[in-house]
Amino acid sequence: MRSMSLRSVFFGVVLASVAVVGCAASRSDFVVALPNGYQIVRDKASAPTLVKKKGGVVVPGPVARYTVIRDVVVGQVDSSAQKIDKAKGKPADKASENDTATEKTAAEKQGFFVLDTRSGQLGTQLSESAFNERLKSLNIPPSPELSPPVLPE
């Protein structure tokens, strides 16, 4: 009878060890599933980023707002949230940002994107007028309502 309880305890310890190792090895990241194998996930800086499940980053973050219309993902990227003080690893103060080259590249990165997930065609850094023209070419009404991605931290 004693050997039966020792076996039960041993089995319980082994099972608990396997469960702990399995939880530590699994990804606990939240993702937003999009059509045709695309996802919105958090990158290393916790910014929502649009990726192809088996292909890497498609739209670098942060994706501020987006919506899905049939097989098309449309949204807006906000690069102002991307500015990080590399020395501190924290967002940079606006007062310390007086580098016009940085501001120019940030402005260039900010804009709208349109991704046809069926064909893989992507338009990024679009102005609002170019964004609406691209939507028109895909038979989508202009200026759709965009919502922020819901990704718990």
Protein backbone atom coordinates (compact mmCIF):
# COMPACT_ATOMS: atom_id res chain seq x y z
CA MET A 1 0.00 0.00 0.00
CA ARG A 2 2.88 2.34 0.82
CA SER A 3 4.48 1.71 -2.61
CA MET A 4 1.16 2.65 -4.24
CA SER A 5 1.14 6.07 -2.51
CA LEU A 6 4.82 6.64 -3.39
CA ARG A 7 4.02 5.95 -7.02
CA SER A 8 1.10 8.38 -6.87
CA VAL A 9 3.29 11.08 -5.33
CA PHE A 10 6.06 10.44 -7.88
CA PHE A 11 3.56 10.55 -10.76
CA GLY A 12 2.09 13.80 -9.37
CA VAL A 13 5.53 15.43 -9.13
CA VAL A 14 6.46 14.38 -12.68
CA LEU A 15 3.14 15.60 -14.04
CA ALA A 16 3.48 18.96 -12.26
CA SER A 17 7.04 19.36 -13.58
CA VAL A 18 5.94 18.69 -17.14
CA ALA A 19 3.07 21.17 -16.78
CA VAL A 20 5.36 23.92 -15.43
CA VAL A 21 7.94 23.40 -18.19
CA GLY A 22 5.20 23.32 -20.84
CA CYS A 23 3.71 26.59 -19.60
CA ALA A 24 7.12 28.26 -19.50
CA ALA A 25 7.90 27.18 -23.06
CA SER A 26 4.56 28.15 -24.61
CA ARG A 27 3.88 31.64 -25.98
CA SER A 28 1.47 33.53 -23.79
CA ASP A 29 1.20 36.43 -26.24
CA PHE A 30 -2.25 37.51 -27.28
CA VAL A 31 -2.90 37.81 -31.00
CA VAL A 32 -5.71 39.19 -33.13
CA ALA A 33 -6.37 36.71 -35.94
CA LEU A 34 -6.96 38.29 -39.34
CA PRO A 35 -7.97 36.68 -42.66
CA ASN A 36 -5.60 34.40 -44.60
CA GLY A 37 -2.96 33.84 -41.91
CA TYR A 38 -2.28 37.44 -40.88
CA GLN A 39 -2.24 38.56 -37.24
CA ILE A 40 -1.79 41.61 -35.05
CA VAL A 41 0.69 40.87 -32.26
CA ARG A 42 2.78 42.91 -29.85
CA ASP A 43 6.42 43.36 -30.85
CA LYS A 44 9.35 43.51 -28.40
CA ALA A 45 8.50 47.14 -27.59
CA SER A 46 4.84 46.16 -26.89
CA ALA A 47 3.62 47.95 -30.01
CA PRO A 48 0.79 46.28 -31.98
CA THR A 49 2.30 45.06 -35.26
CA LEU A 50 0.71 43.36 -38.29
CA VAL A 51 2.50 40.12 -39.22
CA LYS A 52 2.07 37.16 -41.55
CA LYS A 53 1.80 34.07 -39.36
CA LYS A 54 4.64 32.33 -41.20
CA GLY A 55 6.44 35.18 -42.86
CA GLY A 56 7.38 38.02 -40.54
CA VAL A 57 6.42 41.65 -40.10
CA VAL A 58 4.16 43.15 -42.76
CA VAL A 59 3.28 46.52 -41.17
CA PRO A 60 5.66 47.61 -38.42
CA GLY A 61 3.88 49.08 -35.45
CA PRO A 62 2.42 50.61 -33.76
CA VAL A 63 -0.88 49.91 -35.47
CA ALA A 64 -3.05 52.57 -33.82
CA ARG A 65 -6.40 51.67 -35.42
CA TYR A 66 -7.66 49.12 -37.93
CA THR A 67 -10.67 47.28 -39.31
CA VAL A 68 -11.27 44.23 -41.50
CA ILE A 69 -13.55 44.43 -44.53
CA ARG A 70 -13.94 41.05 -46.20
CA ASP A 71 -10.33 39.97 -46.97
CA VAL A 72 -8.92 43.48 -46.66
CA VAL A 73 -7.27 44.90 -43.52
CA VAL A 74 -7.13 48.69 -43.39
CA GLY A 75 -5.73 50.86 -40.66
CA GLN A 76 -3.53 53.64 -39.41
CA VAL A 77 -0.01 53.50 -38.04
CA ASP A 78 1.03 56.02 -35.40
CA SER A 79 4.80 56.41 -35.49
CA SER A 80 4.81 59.15 -32.82
CA ALA A 81 4.32 56.42 -30.24
CA GLN A 82 7.37 54.66 -31.66
CA LYS A 83 9.93 57.23 -30.55
CA ILE A 84 11.93 55.66 -27.71
CA ASP A 85 14.84 57.02 -25.74
CA LYS A 86 17.38 54.25 -26.44
CA ALA A 87 19.46 55.05 -23.35
CA LYS A 88 16.50 54.65 -20.98
CA GLY A 89 14.33 52.25 -23.00
CA LYS A 90 11.37 54.56 -22.37
CA PRO A 91 9.40 56.86 -24.64
CA ALA A 92 11.39 59.99 -25.40
CA ASP A 93 10.29 63.37 -24.06
CA LYS A 94 8.91 65.70 -26.71
CA ALA A 95 11.15 68.47 -25.37
CA SER A 96 14.28 66.41 -26.07
CA GLU A 97 13.20 65.68 -29.65
CA ASN A 98 14.75 68.46 -31.67
CA ASP A 99 16.25 66.33 -34.42
CA THR A 100 14.44 67.35 -37.59
CA ALA A 101 15.59 64.25 -39.45
CA THR A 102 13.94 62.05 -36.82
CA GLU A 103 10.75 64.10 -37.00
CA LYS A 104 10.75 63.91 -40.80
CA THR A 105 11.15 60.11 -40.86
CA ALA A 106 8.48 59.77 -38.18
CA ALA A 107 6.09 61.85 -40.28
CA GLU A 108 6.89 59.70 -43.31
CA LYS A 109 6.12 56.51 -41.37
CA GLN A 110 2.81 57.81 -40.07
CA GLY A 111 -0.17 57.17 -42.25
CA PHE A 112 -2.69 54.65 -43.44
CA PHE A 113 -2.23 51.13 -44.77
CA VAL A 114 -4.32 48.79 -46.92
CA LEU A 115 -3.56 45.06 -47.04
CA ASP A 116 -5.42 42.72 -49.37
CA THR A 117 -4.84 39.47 -47.47
CA ARG A 118 -5.94 37.33 -50.40
CA SER A 119 -3.34 38.66 -52.86
CA GLY A 120 -0.81 40.01 -50.36
CA GLN A 121 -0.85 43.47 -51.98
CA LEU A 122 0.10 46.12 -49.45
CA GLY A 123 -0.02 49.89 -49.51
CA THR A 124 1.65 51.68 -46.58
CA GLN A 125 2.38 55.25 -45.54
CA LEU A 126 -0.69 56.39 -47.45
CA SER A 127 -2.16 59.85 -47.08
CA GLU A 128 -5.87 59.99 -46.34
CA SER A 129 -6.69 60.76 -49.99
CA ALA A 130 -4.47 57.93 -51.30
CA PHE A 131 -6.00 55.65 -48.67
CA ASN A 132 -9.53 56.43 -49.86
CA GLU A 133 -8.50 55.98 -53.52
CA ARG A 134 -7.06 52.55 -52.71
CA LEU A 135 -10.30 51.62 -50.91
CA LYS A 136 -12.34 52.80 -53.90
CA SER A 137 -10.29 50.55 -56.21
CA LEU A 138 -11.19 47.61 -53.94
CA ASN A 139 -14.91 48.53 -53.94
CA ILE A 140 -14.81 49.53 -50.27
CA PRO A 141 -16.58 52.70 -49.08
CA PRO A 142 -14.18 55.53 -48.14
CA SER A 143 -13.20 56.41 -44.55
CA PRO A 144 -14.29 53.22 -42.74
CA GLU A 145 -14.52 53.35 -38.96
CA LEU A 146 -11.22 52.20 -37.47
CA SER A 147 -10.82 50.81 -33.94
CA PRO A 148 -7.71 50.26 -31.80
CA PRO A 149 -6.46 46.66 -31.58
CA VAL A 150 -7.40 44.94 -28.32
CA LEU A 151 -4.25 43.21 -27.09
CA PRO A 152 -3.95 42.81 -23.30
CA GLU A 153 -0.42 43.27 -22.00
